[in-house]
Amino acid sequence: MYIIKVKGKAKIPDYIQLRDENFVLIAYFRADRPLKDLHRYGLENKEIALAAVIEGLAFGKLQKLEI
């Protein structure tokens, strides 16, 4: 799974994209909202680790998600 942080403009907030091994979009959510429904993506009980990864992400840099 891959993760990328997308910079918002003006009134559009920053977003996080989760992509599978084929780079197909599987999740798209606001970076400033609490993480929920992570069980849909196989990330249950990893909220704290994922929040730390999101906090350290640079905008526009695709990164392999390893938590």
PDB file of N, CA and C in Angstrom:
ATOM      1  N   MET A   1       0.849  -1.169   0.000  1.00  0.00           N
ATOM      2  CA  MET A   1       0.000   0.000   0.000  1.00  0.00           C
ATOM      3  C   MET A   1       0.897   1.235   0.000  1.00  0.00           C
ATOM      4  N   TYR A   2       0.448   2.268  -0.702  1.00  0.00           N
ATOM      5  CA  TYR A   2       1.186   3.521  -0.804  1.00  0.00           C
ATOM      6  C   TYR A   2       0.338   4.667  -0.266  1.00  0.00           C
ATOM      7  N   ILE A   3       1.029   5.723   0.173  1.00  0.00           N
ATOM      8  CA  ILE A   3       0.346   6.888   0.736  1.00  0.00           C
ATOM      9  C   ILE A   3       0.955   8.144   0.132  1.00  0.00           C
ATOM     10  N   ILE A   4       0.098   9.132  -0.086  1.00  0.00           N
ATOM     11  CA  ILE A   4       0.550  10.425  -0.601  1.00  0.00           C
ATOM     12  C   ILE A   4      -0.299  11.521   0.041  1.00  0.00           C
ATOM     13  N   LYS A   5       0.334  12.636   0.349  1.00  0.00           N
ATOM     14  CA  LYS A   5      -0.363  13.791   0.913  1.00  0.00           C
ATOM     15  C   LYS A   5      -0.504  14.834  -0.184  1.00  0.00           C
ATOM     16  N   VAL A   6      -1.746  15.281  -0.421  1.00  0.00           N
ATOM     17  CA  VAL A   6      -2.052  16.229  -1.480  1.00  0.00           C
ATOM     18  C   VAL A   6      -2.363  17.582  -0.860  1.00  0.00           C
ATOM     19  N   LYS A   7      -1.657  18.605  -1.298  1.00  0.00           N
ATOM     20  CA  LYS A   7      -1.825  19.960  -0.765  1.00  0.00           C
ATOM     21  C   LYS A   7      -3.083  20.598  -1.321  1.00  0.00           C
ATOM     22  N   GLY A   8      -3.917  21.102  -0.420  1.00  0.00           N
ATOM     23  CA  GLY A   8      -5.113  21.817  -0.839  1.00  0.00           C
ATOM     24  C   GLY A   8      -4.777  23.253  -1.209  1.00  0.00           C
ATOM     25  N   LYS A   9      -5.719  23.907  -1.866  1.00  0.00           N
ATOM     26  CA  LYS A   9      -5.524  25.310  -2.255  1.00  0.00           C
ATOM     27  C   LYS A   9      -6.711  26.120  -1.767  1.00  0.00           C
ATOM     28  N   ALA A  10      -6.428  27.317  -1.302  1.00  0.00           N
ATOM     29  CA  ALA A  10      -7.452  28.245  -0.826  1.00  0.00           C
ATOM     30  C   ALA A  10      -8.358  27.568   0.209  1.00  0.00           C
ATOM     31  N   LYS A  11      -9.621  27.346  -0.131  1.00  0.00           N
ATOM     32  CA  LYS A  11     -10.563  26.753   0.823  1.00  0.00           C
ATOM     33  C   LYS A  11     -10.598  25.235   0.763  1.00  0.00           C
ATOM     34  N   ILE A  12      -9.840  24.632  -0.148  1.00  0.00           N
ATOM     35  CA  ILE A  12      -9.806  23.168  -0.267  1.00  0.00           C
ATOM     36  C   ILE A  12      -8.754  22.634   0.707  1.00  0.00           C
ATOM     37  N   PRO A  13      -9.122  21.724   1.595  1.00  0.00           N
ATOM     38  CA  PRO A  13      -8.167  21.224   2.602  1.00  0.00           C
ATOM     39  C   PRO A  13      -7.164  20.235   2.008  1.00  0.00           C
ATOM     40  N   ASP A  14      -6.145  19.915   2.799  1.00  0.00           N
ATOM     41  CA  ASP A  14      -5.180  18.889   2.424  1.00  0.00           C
ATOM     42  C   ASP A  14      -5.842  17.520   2.516  1.00  0.00           C
ATOM     43  N   TYR A  15      -5.460  16.622   1.629  1.00  0.00           N
ATOM     44  CA  TYR A  15      -6.031  15.281   1.602  1.00  0.00           C
ATOM     45  C   TYR A  15      -4.939  14.226   1.614  1.00  0.00           C
ATOM     46  N   ILE A  16      -5.314  13.038   2.038  1.00  0.00           N
ATOM     47  CA  ILE A  16      -4.445  11.868   2.038  1.00  0.00           C
ATOM     48  C   ILE A  16      -5.045  10.856   1.082  1.00  0.00           C
ATOM     49  N   GLN A  17      -4.195  10.260   0.264  1.00  0.00           N
ATOM     50  CA  GLN A  17      -4.635   9.184  -0.629  1.00  0.00           C
ATOM     51  C   GLN A  17      -3.915   7.903  -0.220  1.00  0.00           C
ATOM     52  N   LEU A  18      -4.658   6.818  -0.162  1.00  0.00           N
ATOM     53  CA  LEU A  18      -4.077   5.484   0.007  1.00  0.00           C
ATOM     54  C   LEU A  18      -4.269   4.756  -1.310  1.00  0.00           C
ATOM     55  N   ARG A  19      -3.197   4.152  -1.798  1.00  0.00           N
ATOM     56  CA  ARG A  19      -3.246   3.437  -3.074  1.00  0.00           C
ATOM     57  C   ARG A  19      -2.712   2.022  -2.881  1.00  0.00           C
ATOM     58  N   ASP A  20      -3.257   1.080  -3.661  1.00  0.00           N
ATOM     59  CA  ASP A  20      -2.818  -0.310  -3.543  1.00  0.00           C
ATOM     60  C   ASP A  20      -1.531  -0.521  -4.336  1.00  0.00           C
ATOM     61  N   GLU A  21      -1.091  -1.761  -4.443  1.00  0.00           N
ATOM     62  CA  GLU A  21       0.168  -2.100  -5.111  1.00  0.00           C
ATOM     63  C   GLU A  21       0.161  -1.743  -6.597  1.00  0.00           C
ATOM     64  N   ASN A  22      -1.024  -1.628  -7.200  1.00  0.00           N
ATOM     65  CA  ASN A  22      -1.156  -1.230  -8.606  1.00  0.00           C
ATOM     66  C   ASN A  22      -1.425   0.265  -8.745  1.00  0.00           C
ATOM     67  N   PHE A  23      -1.278   0.991  -7.654  1.00  0.00           N
ATOM     68  CA  PHE A  23      -1.487   2.445  -7.579  1.00  0.00           C
ATOM     69  C   PHE A  23      -2.935   2.855  -7.817  1.00  0.00           C
ATOM     70  N   VAL A  24      -3.867   1.941  -7.611  1.00  0.00           N
ATOM     71  CA  VAL A  24      -5.293   2.253  -7.714  1.00  0.00           C
ATOM     72  C   VAL A  24      -5.729   2.904  -6.396  1.00  0.00           C
ATOM     73  N   LEU A  25      -6.457   4.001  -6.509  1.00  0.00           N
ATOM     74  CA  LEU A  25      -6.933   4.723  -5.333  1.00  0.00           C
ATOM     75  C   LEU A  25      -7.907   3.856  -4.539  1.00  0.00           C
ATOM     76  N   ILE A  26      -7.609   3.644  -3.245  1.00  0.00           N
ATOM     77  CA  ILE A  26      -8.504   2.848  -2.400  1.00  0.00           C
ATOM     78  C   ILE A  26      -9.105   3.672  -1.269  1.00  0.00           C
ATOM     79  N   ALA A  27      -8.490   4.817  -0.937  1.00  0.00           N
ATOM     80  CA  ALA A  27      -9.032   5.674   0.111  1.00  0.00           C
ATOM     81  C   ALA A  27      -8.570   7.110  -0.138  1.00  0.00           C
ATOM     82  N   TYR A  28      -9.441   8.050   0.228  1.00  0.00           N
ATOM     83  CA  TYR A  28      -9.186   9.467   0.029  1.00  0.00           C
ATOM     84  C   TYR A  28      -9.871  10.177   1.178  1.00  0.00           C
ATOM     85  N   PHE A  29      -9.097  10.801   2.063  1.00  0.00           N
ATOM     86  CA  PHE A  29      -9.704  11.455   3.221  1.00  0.00           C
ATOM     87  C   PHE A  29      -8.915  12.699   3.597  1.00  0.00           C
ATOM     88  N   ARG A  30      -9.586  13.585   4.330  1.00  0.00           N
ATOM     89  CA  ARG A  30      -8.960  14.834   4.760  1.00  0.00           C
ATOM     90  C   ARG A  30      -7.861  14.547   5.766  1.00  0.00           C
ATOM     91  N   ALA A  31      -6.770  15.280   5.639  1.00  0.00           N
ATOM     92  CA  ALA A  31      -5.626  15.089   6.527  1.00  0.00           C
ATOM     93  C   ALA A  31      -5.915  15.597   7.934  1.00  0.00           C
ATOM     94  N   ASP A  32      -6.837  16.537   8.078  1.00  0.00           N
ATOM     95  CA  ASP A  32      -7.100  17.134   9.380  1.00  0.00           C
ATOM     96  C   ASP A  32      -8.251  16.480  10.140  1.00  0.00           C
ATOM     97  N   ARG A  33      -8.848  15.458   9.595  1.00  0.00           N
ATOM     98  CA  ARG A  33      -9.968  14.774  10.249  1.00  0.00           C
ATOM     99  C   ARG A  33      -9.471  13.551  11.003  1.00  0.00           C
ATOM    100  N   PRO A  34     -10.166  13.188  12.062  1.00  0.00           N
ATOM    101  CA  PRO A  34      -9.803  11.961  12.779  1.00  0.00           C
ATOM    102  C   PRO A  34      -9.917  10.748  11.848  1.00  0.00           C
ATOM    103  N   LEU A  35      -9.023   9.809  12.046  1.00  0.00           N
ATOM    104  CA  LEU A  35      -9.021   8.605  11.216  1.00  0.00           C
ATOM    105  C   LEU A  35     -10.114   7.666  11.679  1.00  0.00           C
ATOM    106  N   LYS A  36     -10.937   7.227  10.747  1.00  0.00           N
ATOM    107  CA  LYS A  36     -11.998   6.287  11.072  1.00  0.00           C
ATOM    108  C   LYS A  36     -12.186   5.330   9.911  1.00  0.00           C
ATOM    109  N   ASP A  37     -12.882   4.262  10.145  1.00  0.00           N
ATOM    110  CA  ASP A  37     -13.150   3.248   9.126  1.00  0.00           C
ATOM    111  C   ASP A  37     -11.875   2.651   8.531  1.00  0.00           C
ATOM    112  N   LEU A  38     -10.815   2.591   9.327  1.00  0.00           N
ATOM    113  CA  LEU A  38      -9.561   2.042   8.825  1.00  0.00           C
ATOM    114  C   LEU A  38      -9.619   0.533   8.616  1.00  0.00           C
ATOM    115  N   HIS A  39     -10.618  -0.121   9.225  1.00  0.00           N
ATOM    116  CA  HIS A  39     -10.757  -1.564   9.029  1.00  0.00           C
ATOM    117  C   HIS A  39     -11.036  -1.894   7.569  1.00  0.00           C
ATOM    118  N   ARG A  40     -11.606  -0.956   6.836  1.00  0.00           N
ATOM    119  CA  ARG A  40     -11.890  -1.171   5.407  1.00  0.00           C
ATOM    120  C   ARG A  40     -10.615  -1.348   4.593  1.00  0.00           C
ATOM    121  N   TYR A  41      -9.522  -0.793   5.094  1.00  0.00           N
ATOM    122  CA  TYR A  41      -8.263  -0.799   4.353  1.00  0.00           C
ATOM    123  C   TYR A  41      -7.209  -1.701   4.988  1.00  0.00           C
ATOM    124  N   GLY A  42      -7.616  -2.504   5.968  1.00  0.00           N
ATOM    125  CA  GLY A  42      -6.684  -3.405   6.635  1.00  0.00           C
ATOM    126  C   GLY A  42      -5.765  -2.700   7.607  1.00  0.00           C
ATOM    127  N   LEU A  43      -6.185  -1.557   8.126  1.00  0.00           N
ATOM    128  CA  LEU A  43      -5.341  -0.773   9.028  1.00  0.00           C
ATOM    129  C   LEU A  43      -5.957  -0.613  10.417  1.00  0.00           C
ATOM    130  N   GLU A  44      -6.833  -1.553  10.818  1.00  0.00           N
ATOM    131  CA  GLU A  44      -7.445  -1.438  12.133  1.00  0.00           C
ATOM    132  C   GLU A  44      -6.377  -1.513  13.214  1.00  0.00           C
ATOM    133  N   ASN A  45      -6.583  -0.760  14.285  1.00  0.00           N
ATOM    134  CA  ASN A  45      -5.684  -0.666  15.433  1.00  0.00           C
ATOM    135  C   ASN A  45      -4.334  -0.067  15.083  1.00  0.00           C
ATOM    136  N   LYS A  46      -4.247   0.678  13.993  1.00  0.00           N
ATOM    137  CA  LYS A  46      -2.993   1.332  13.606  1.00  0.00           C
ATOM    138  C   LYS A  46      -3.184   2.835  13.452  1.00  0.00           C
ATOM    139  N   GLU A  47      -4.191   3.374  14.128  1.00  0.00           N
ATOM    140  CA  GLU A  47      -4.524   4.783  13.991  1.00  0.00           C
ATOM    141  C   GLU A  47      -3.377   5.698  14.407  1.00  0.00           C
ATOM    142  N   ILE A  48      -2.731   5.385  15.526  1.00  0.00           N
ATOM    143  CA  ILE A  48      -1.653   6.236  16.048  1.00  0.00           C
ATOM    144  C   ILE A  48      -0.456   6.204  15.109  1.00  0.00           C
ATOM    145  N   ALA A  49      -0.086   5.018  14.641  1.00  0.00           N
ATOM    146  CA  ALA A  49       1.051   4.894  13.724  1.00  0.00           C
ATOM    147  C   ALA A  49       0.762   5.608  12.406  1.00  0.00           C
ATOM    148  N   LEU A  50      -0.454   5.475  11.893  1.00  0.00           N
ATOM    149  CA  LEU A  50      -0.816   6.126  10.634  1.00  0.00           C
ATOM    150  C   LEU A  50      -0.834   7.643  10.801  1.00  0.00           C
ATOM    151  N   ALA A  51      -1.327   8.130  11.924  1.00  0.00           N
ATOM    152  CA  ALA A  51      -1.338   9.571  12.184  1.00  0.00           C
ATOM    153  C   ALA A  51       0.091  10.115  12.226  1.00  0.00           C
ATOM    154  N   ALA A  52       1.017   9.359  12.793  1.00  0.00           N
ATOM    155  CA  ALA A  52       2.416   9.781  12.837  1.00  0.00           C
ATOM    156  C   ALA A  52       3.020   9.825  11.431  1.00  0.00           C
ATOM    157  N   VAL A  53       2.681   8.847  10.600  1.00  0.00           N
ATOM    158  CA  VAL A  53       3.169   8.828   9.217  1.00  0.00           C
ATOM    159  C   VAL A  53       2.630  10.030   8.462  1.00  0.00           C
ATOM    160  N   ILE A  54       1.348  10.304   8.610  1.00  0.00           N
ATOM    161  CA  ILE A  54       0.717  11.429   7.918  1.00  0.00           C
ATOM    162  C   ILE A  54       1.359  12.749   8.331  1.00  0.00           C
ATOM    163  N   GLU A  55       1.638  12.883   9.609  1.00  0.00           N
ATOM    164  CA  GLU A  55       2.242  14.110  10.122  1.00  0.00           C
ATOM    165  C   GLU A  55       3.617  14.363   9.495  1.00  0.00           C
ATOM    166  N   GLY A  56       4.373  13.304   9.257  1.00  0.00           N
ATOM    167  CA  GLY A  56       5.716  13.442   8.714  1.00  0.00           C
ATOM    168  C   GLY A  56       5.820  13.430   7.198  1.00  0.00           C
ATOM    169  N   LEU A  57       4.696  13.255   6.506  1.00  0.00           N
ATOM    170  CA  LEU A  57       4.717  13.194   5.046  1.00  0.00           C
ATOM    171  C   LEU A  57       4.971  14.557   4.421  1.00  0.00           C
ATOM    172  N   ALA A  58       5.766  14.552   3.359  1.00  0.00           N
ATOM    173  CA  ALA A  58       5.931  15.763   2.554  1.00  0.00           C
ATOM    174  C   ALA A  58       4.824  15.762   1.492  1.00  0.00           C
ATOM    175  N   PHE A  59       4.390  16.926   1.099  1.00  0.00           N
ATOM    176  CA  PHE A  59       3.334  17.017   0.089  1.00  0.00           C
ATOM    177  C   PHE A  59       3.831  16.521  -1.263  1.00  0.00           C
ATOM    178  N   GLY A  60       2.989  15.715  -1.919  1.00  0.00           N
ATOM    179  CA  GLY A  60       3.279  15.264  -3.265  1.00  0.00           C
ATOM    180  C   GLY A  60       4.280  14.146  -3.400  1.00  0.00           C
ATOM    181  N   LYS A  61       4.774  13.591  -2.307  1.00  0.00           N
ATOM    182  CA  LYS A  61       5.755  12.514  -2.353  1.00  0.00           C
ATOM    183  C   LYS A  61       5.060  11.178  -2.087  1.00  0.00           C
ATOM    184  N   LEU A  62       5.030  10.322  -3.086  1.00  0.00           N
ATOM    185  CA  LEU A  62       4.450   8.985  -2.932  1.00  0.00           C
ATOM    186  C   LEU A  62       5.400   8.152  -2.084  1.00  0.00           C
ATOM    187  N   GLN A  63       4.860   7.489  -1.081  1.00  0.00           N
ATOM    188  CA  GLN A  63       5.689   6.724  -0.145  1.00  0.00           C
ATOM    189  C   GLN A  63       5.016   5.384   0.122  1.00  0.00           C
ATOM    190  N   LYS A  64       5.818   4.344   0.209  1.00  0.00           N
ATOM    191  CA  LYS A  64       5.287   3.025   0.573  1.00  0.00           C
ATOM    192  C   LYS A  64       4.876   3.091   2.044  1.00  0.00           C
ATOM    193  N   LEU A  65       3.673   2.645   2.338  1.00  0.00           N
ATOM    194  CA  LEU A  65       3.153   2.661   3.698  1.00  0.00           C
ATOM    195  C   LEU A  65       3.560   1.394   4.410  1.00  0.00           C
ATOM    196  N   GLU A  66       4.418   1.533   5.390  1.00  0.00           N
ATOM    197  CA  GLU A  66       4.904   0.393   6.156  1.00  0.00           C
ATOM    198  C   GLU A  66       4.697   0.656   7.642  1.00  0.00           C
ATOM    199  N   ILE A  67       3.544   0.224   8.143  1.00  0.00           N
ATOM    200  CA  ILE A  67       3.269   0.376   9.580  1.00  0.00           C
ATOM    201  C   ILE A  67       2.818  -0.958  10.135  1.00  0.00           C
TER     202      ILE A  67
END
